């Protein structure tokens, strides 16, 4: 019987904790963890980091400005959250 080795690093099934087998390939637990770390880094929302570079005013603070919206407190709250979310996720860094 042929020995099963990881198709990525070459480790044998005896050297690893877990070996997943596909039709024509195998992957060990170490390469799975490495792949998971790469996936998490590459798919991490970039907007969150971009928003950190801005000094965004929180919706609660924004709501107190009379110039934002005159009238209903509910309208001020909705508009404040909408403006905050827009800049949080869509504003480009300078």
C-alpha atoms as a PDB file:
ATOM      1  CA  UNK A   1       0.000   0.000   0.000  1.00  0.00           C
ATOM      2  CA  UNK A   2       1.347   3.447  -0.954  1.00  0.00           C
ATOM      3  CA  UNK A   3       2.180   5.921   1.774  1.00  0.00           C
ATOM      4  CA  UNK A   4      -0.082   8.991   1.933  1.00  0.00           C
ATOM      5  CA  UNK A   5       1.810  12.307   1.872  1.00  0.00           C
ATOM      6  CA  UNK A   6       0.625  15.911   1.955  1.00  0.00           C
ATOM      7  CA  UNK A   7       0.533  17.213  -1.600  1.00  0.00           C
ATOM      8  CA  UNK A   8       1.775  20.633  -0.382  1.00  0.00           C
ATOM      9  CA  UNK A   9       4.591  19.925   2.087  1.00  0.00           C
ATOM     10  CA  UNK A  10       5.288  16.208   1.597  1.00  0.00           C
ATOM     11  CA  UNK A  11       4.772  15.174   5.228  1.00  0.00           C
ATOM     12  CA  UNK A  12       3.525  11.638   5.694  1.00  0.00           C
ATOM     13  CA  UNK A  13       0.271  10.741   7.393  1.00  0.00           C
ATOM     14  CA  UNK A  14       2.287   9.454  10.366  1.00  0.00           C
ATOM     15  CA  UNK A  15       3.935  12.895  10.870  1.00  0.00           C
ATOM     16  CA  UNK A  16       0.718  14.920  11.147  1.00  0.00           C
ATOM     17  CA  UNK A  17      -2.404  14.970  13.307  1.00  0.00           C
ATOM     18  CA  UNK A  18      -4.881  15.074  10.436  1.00  0.00           C
ATOM     19  CA  UNK A  19      -4.679  14.394   6.710  1.00  0.00           C
ATOM     20  CA  UNK A  20      -7.598  15.276   4.441  1.00  0.00           C
ATOM     21  CA  UNK A  21      -7.777  13.260   1.255  1.00  0.00           C
ATOM     22  CA  UNK A  22      -9.245  14.345  -2.037  1.00  0.00           C
ATOM     23  CA  UNK A  23      -9.514  12.434  -5.306  1.00  0.00           C
ATOM     24  CA  UNK A  24      -5.925  13.087  -6.406  1.00  0.00           C
ATOM     25  CA  UNK A  25      -4.431  15.099  -3.541  1.00  0.00           C
ATOM     26  CA  UNK A  26      -3.968  15.226   0.226  1.00  0.00           C
ATOM     27  CA  UNK A  27      -3.503  18.116   2.649  1.00  0.00           C
ATOM     28  CA  UNK A  28      -2.227  17.986   6.225  1.00  0.00           C
ATOM     29  CA  UNK A  29      -3.507  19.907   9.244  1.00  0.00           C
ATOM     30  CA  UNK A  30      -0.514  22.261   9.179  1.00  0.00           C
ATOM     31  CA  UNK A  31      -1.207  23.355   5.588  1.00  0.00           C
ATOM     32  CA  UNK A  32      -4.923  23.678   6.419  1.00  0.00           C
ATOM     33  CA  UNK A  33      -4.071  26.074   9.287  1.00  0.00           C
ATOM     34  CA  UNK A  34      -1.658  28.007   7.069  1.00  0.00           C
ATOM     35  CA  UNK A  35      -4.308  28.267   4.356  1.00  0.00           C
ATOM     36  CA  UNK A  36      -6.878  29.428   6.905  1.00  0.00           C
ATOM     37  CA  UNK A  37      -4.564  32.197   8.140  1.00  0.00           C
ATOM     38  CA  UNK A  38      -3.945  33.381   4.568  1.00  0.00           C
ATOM     39  CA  UNK A  39      -7.671  33.301   3.824  1.00  0.00           C
ATOM     40  CA  UNK A  40      -8.504  35.343   6.936  1.00  0.00           C
ATOM     41  CA  UNK A  41      -5.854  37.966   6.100  1.00  0.00           C
ATOM     42  CA  UNK A  42      -6.874  38.259   2.454  1.00  0.00           C
ATOM     43  CA  UNK A  43     -10.623  38.459   3.106  1.00  0.00           C
ATOM     44  CA  UNK A  44     -10.443  40.779   6.120  1.00  0.00           C
ATOM     45  CA  UNK A  45     -12.588  43.852   5.423  1.00  0.00           C
ATOM     46  CA  UNK A  46     -10.206  46.595   4.342  1.00  0.00           C
ATOM     47  CA  UNK A  47     -12.779  49.331   5.116  1.00  0.00           C
ATOM     48  CA  UNK A  48     -12.479  48.727   8.860  1.00  0.00           C
ATOM     49  CA  UNK A  49      -8.774  49.619   8.774  1.00  0.00           C
ATOM     50  CA  UNK A  50      -9.448  52.577   6.501  1.00  0.00           C
ATOM     51  CA  UNK A  51     -12.081  53.957   8.894  1.00  0.00           C
ATOM     52  CA  UNK A  52      -9.534  53.902  11.714  1.00  0.00           C
ATOM     53  CA  UNK A  53      -7.488  56.554   9.898  1.00  0.00           C
ATOM     54  CA  UNK A  54     -10.432  58.990  10.046  1.00  0.00           C
ATOM     55  CA  UNK A  55     -11.589  60.878  13.092  1.00  0.00           C
ATOM     56  CA  UNK A  56     -15.238  59.941  12.622  1.00  0.00           C
ATOM     57  CA  UNK A  57     -17.849  61.593  14.774  1.00  0.00           C
ATOM     58  CA  UNK A  58     -20.158  59.004  16.339  1.00  0.00           C
ATOM     59  CA  UNK A  59     -23.862  59.222  15.395  1.00  0.00           C
ATOM     60  CA  UNK A  60     -24.802  60.192  18.963  1.00  0.00           C
ATOM     61  CA  UNK A  61     -22.390  63.154  18.811  1.00  0.00           C
ATOM     62  CA  UNK A  62     -23.474  64.073  15.287  1.00  0.00           C
ATOM     63  CA  UNK A  63     -27.148  64.127  16.263  1.00  0.00           C
ATOM     64  CA  UNK A  64     -26.669  67.095  18.583  1.00  0.00           C
ATOM     65  CA  UNK A  65     -25.657  69.448  15.761  1.00  0.00           C
ATOM     66  CA  UNK A  66     -28.686  71.501  14.767  1.00  0.00           C
ATOM     67  CA  UNK A  67     -27.309  72.041  11.249  1.00  0.00           C
ATOM     68  CA  UNK A  68     -27.503  68.338  10.396  1.00  0.00           C
ATOM     69  CA  UNK A  69     -31.284  68.164  10.234  1.00  0.00           C
ATOM     70  CA  UNK A  70     -33.981  70.359  11.667  1.00  0.00           C
ATOM     71  CA  UNK A  71     -37.131  68.796  13.025  1.00  0.00           C
ATOM     72  CA  UNK A  72     -37.790  65.278  14.252  1.00  0.00           C
ATOM     73  CA  UNK A  73     -35.351  63.580  16.649  1.00  0.00           C
ATOM     74  CA  UNK A  74     -35.976  60.297  14.809  1.00  0.00           C
ATOM     75  CA  UNK A  75     -34.951  61.889  11.487  1.00  0.00           C
ATOM     76  CA  UNK A  76     -31.763  63.244  13.100  1.00  0.00           C
ATOM     77  CA  UNK A  77     -30.909  59.811  14.453  1.00  0.00           C
ATOM     78  CA  UNK A  78     -31.505  58.047  11.123  1.00  0.00           C
ATOM     79  CA  UNK A  79     -29.557  60.649   9.163  1.00  0.00           C
ATOM     80  CA  UNK A  80     -26.652  60.604  11.643  1.00  0.00           C
ATOM     81  CA  UNK A  81     -26.307  56.822  11.425  1.00  0.00           C
ATOM     82  CA  UNK A  82     -26.542  56.892   7.623  1.00  0.00           C
ATOM     83  CA  UNK A  83     -23.817  59.551   7.321  1.00  0.00           C
ATOM     84  CA  UNK A  84     -21.588  57.737   9.822  1.00  0.00           C
ATOM     85  CA  UNK A  85     -21.958  54.378   8.022  1.00  0.00           C
ATOM     86  CA  UNK A  86     -21.288  55.991   4.649  1.00  0.00           C
ATOM     87  CA  UNK A  87     -17.971  57.453   5.793  1.00  0.00           C
ATOM     88  CA  UNK A  88     -17.085  54.341   7.775  1.00  0.00           C
ATOM     89  CA  UNK A  89     -17.383  52.005   4.791  1.00  0.00           C
ATOM     90  CA  UNK A  90     -17.013  54.153   1.681  1.00  0.00           C
ATOM     91  CA  UNK A  91     -14.715  57.065   2.415  1.00  0.00           C
ATOM     92  CA  UNK A  92     -11.329  56.924   0.694  1.00  0.00           C
ATOM     93  CA  UNK A  93      -8.200  57.763   2.723  1.00  0.00           C
ATOM     94  CA  UNK A  94      -6.523  61.077   1.958  1.00  0.00           C
END
